[in-house]
Amino acid sequence: MEENPYLKSTILEVFENQLQADDPPIVRQTFDRLIAEGYSEVEAKKLIGCVLSIEIFEILKKQESYNDERYTKALNRLPKLPRL
């Protein structure tokens, strides 16, 4: 599957906004944990970006609101990625 550079850039921008705003706090906690576990900043951002992408996909697919519990659980399981 071909990577969409615009989508990738947008997901990383959302991640950066969450990180800077510390909202939700689990994003900063997960980023710091992954770095402490030996992942590079780029790898940690990609992992969190994957979870963010899946959460957005679930919202669109099910036409529902953001689910903080689902997002938090998925971030806590990283580096294991959630399944679609």
Protein backbone atom coordinates (compact mmCIF):
# COMPACT_ATOMS: atom_id res chain seq x y z
CA MET A 1 0.00 0.00 0.00
CA GLU A 2 1.33 3.42 -0.96
CA GLU A 3 1.92 5.96 1.80
CA ASN A 4 -0.05 9.19 1.65
CA PRO A 5 2.37 12.01 2.59
CA TYR A 6 -0.43 14.51 3.28
CA LEU A 7 -2.21 12.12 5.64
CA LYS A 8 1.06 11.23 7.38
CA SER A 9 1.87 14.91 7.85
CA THR A 10 -1.60 15.62 9.24
CA ILE A 11 -1.48 12.72 11.70
CA LEU A 12 1.95 13.81 12.94
CA GLU A 13 0.68 17.39 13.30
CA VAL A 14 -2.24 16.17 15.45
CA PHE A 15 0.22 14.14 17.54
CA GLU A 16 2.49 17.18 17.99
CA ASN A 17 -0.50 19.30 19.04
CA GLN A 18 -1.55 16.69 21.60
CA LEU A 19 2.01 16.47 22.91
CA GLN A 20 2.44 20.24 23.24
CA ALA A 21 -0.97 20.77 24.85
CA ASP A 22 -0.51 17.72 27.10
CA ASP A 23 -4.04 16.80 26.08
CA PRO A 24 -4.69 14.01 26.55
CA PRO A 25 -1.84 13.48 29.04
CA ILE A 26 -1.53 9.81 28.03
CA VAL A 27 0.10 10.91 24.77
CA ARG A 28 3.06 12.53 26.59
CA GLN A 29 3.23 9.60 29.04
CA THR A 30 3.30 7.09 26.19
CA PHE A 31 5.88 9.06 24.23
CA ASP A 32 8.15 9.31 27.28
CA ARG A 33 7.67 5.60 28.06
CA LEU A 34 8.57 4.53 24.53
CA ILE A 35 11.70 6.72 24.57
CA ALA A 36 12.68 5.19 27.95
CA GLU A 37 12.17 1.72 26.43
CA GLY A 38 14.75 2.54 23.75
CA TYR A 39 12.63 3.69 20.84
CA SER A 40 13.85 6.71 18.91
CA GLU A 41 11.70 9.84 18.81
CA VAL A 42 10.80 9.06 15.21
CA GLU A 43 9.79 5.48 16.07
CA ALA A 44 7.75 6.62 19.07
CA LYS A 45 5.96 9.24 16.97
CA LYS A 46 5.17 6.65 14.30
CA LEU A 47 3.77 4.20 16.85
CA ILE A 48 1.58 6.82 18.47
CA GLY A 49 0.57 8.07 15.02
CA CYS A 50 -0.58 4.56 14.14
CA VAL A 51 -2.82 4.44 17.21
CA LEU A 52 -4.14 7.92 16.43
CA SER A 53 -4.89 6.86 12.84
CA ILE A 54 -6.77 3.80 14.02
CA GLU A 55 -8.79 5.88 16.49
CA ILE A 56 -9.74 8.31 13.73
CA PHE A 57 -10.65 5.39 11.46
CA GLU A 58 -12.89 3.90 14.17
CA ILE A 59 -14.63 7.24 14.69
CA LEU A 60 -15.33 7.57 10.98
CA LYS A 61 -16.27 3.94 10.42
CA LYS A 62 -18.70 3.73 13.33
CA GLN A 63 -19.80 7.38 13.08
CA GLU A 64 -19.24 7.85 16.78
CA SER A 65 -17.50 10.28 19.10
CA TYR A 66 -13.88 10.10 20.19
CA ASN A 67 -13.43 7.30 22.73
CA ASP A 68 -10.84 8.31 25.32
CA GLU A 69 -10.90 4.88 26.99
CA ARG A 70 -10.22 3.05 23.72
CA TYR A 71 -7.44 5.51 22.76
CA THR A 72 -5.82 5.24 26.20
CA LYS A 73 -5.91 1.44 26.18
CA ALA A 74 -4.35 1.32 22.72
CA LEU A 75 -1.57 3.73 23.75
CA ASN A 76 -0.88 1.72 26.89
CA ARG A 77 -0.41 -1.43 24.79
CA LEU A 78 2.25 0.12 22.55
CA PRO A 79 4.53 -1.02 21.00
CA LYS A 80 1.90 -3.67 20.24
CA LEU A 81 -0.41 -2.10 17.65
CA PRO A 82 -4.19 -2.43 17.83
CA ARG A 83 -5.94 -4.46 15.19
CA LEU A 84 -8.60 -3.05 12.94
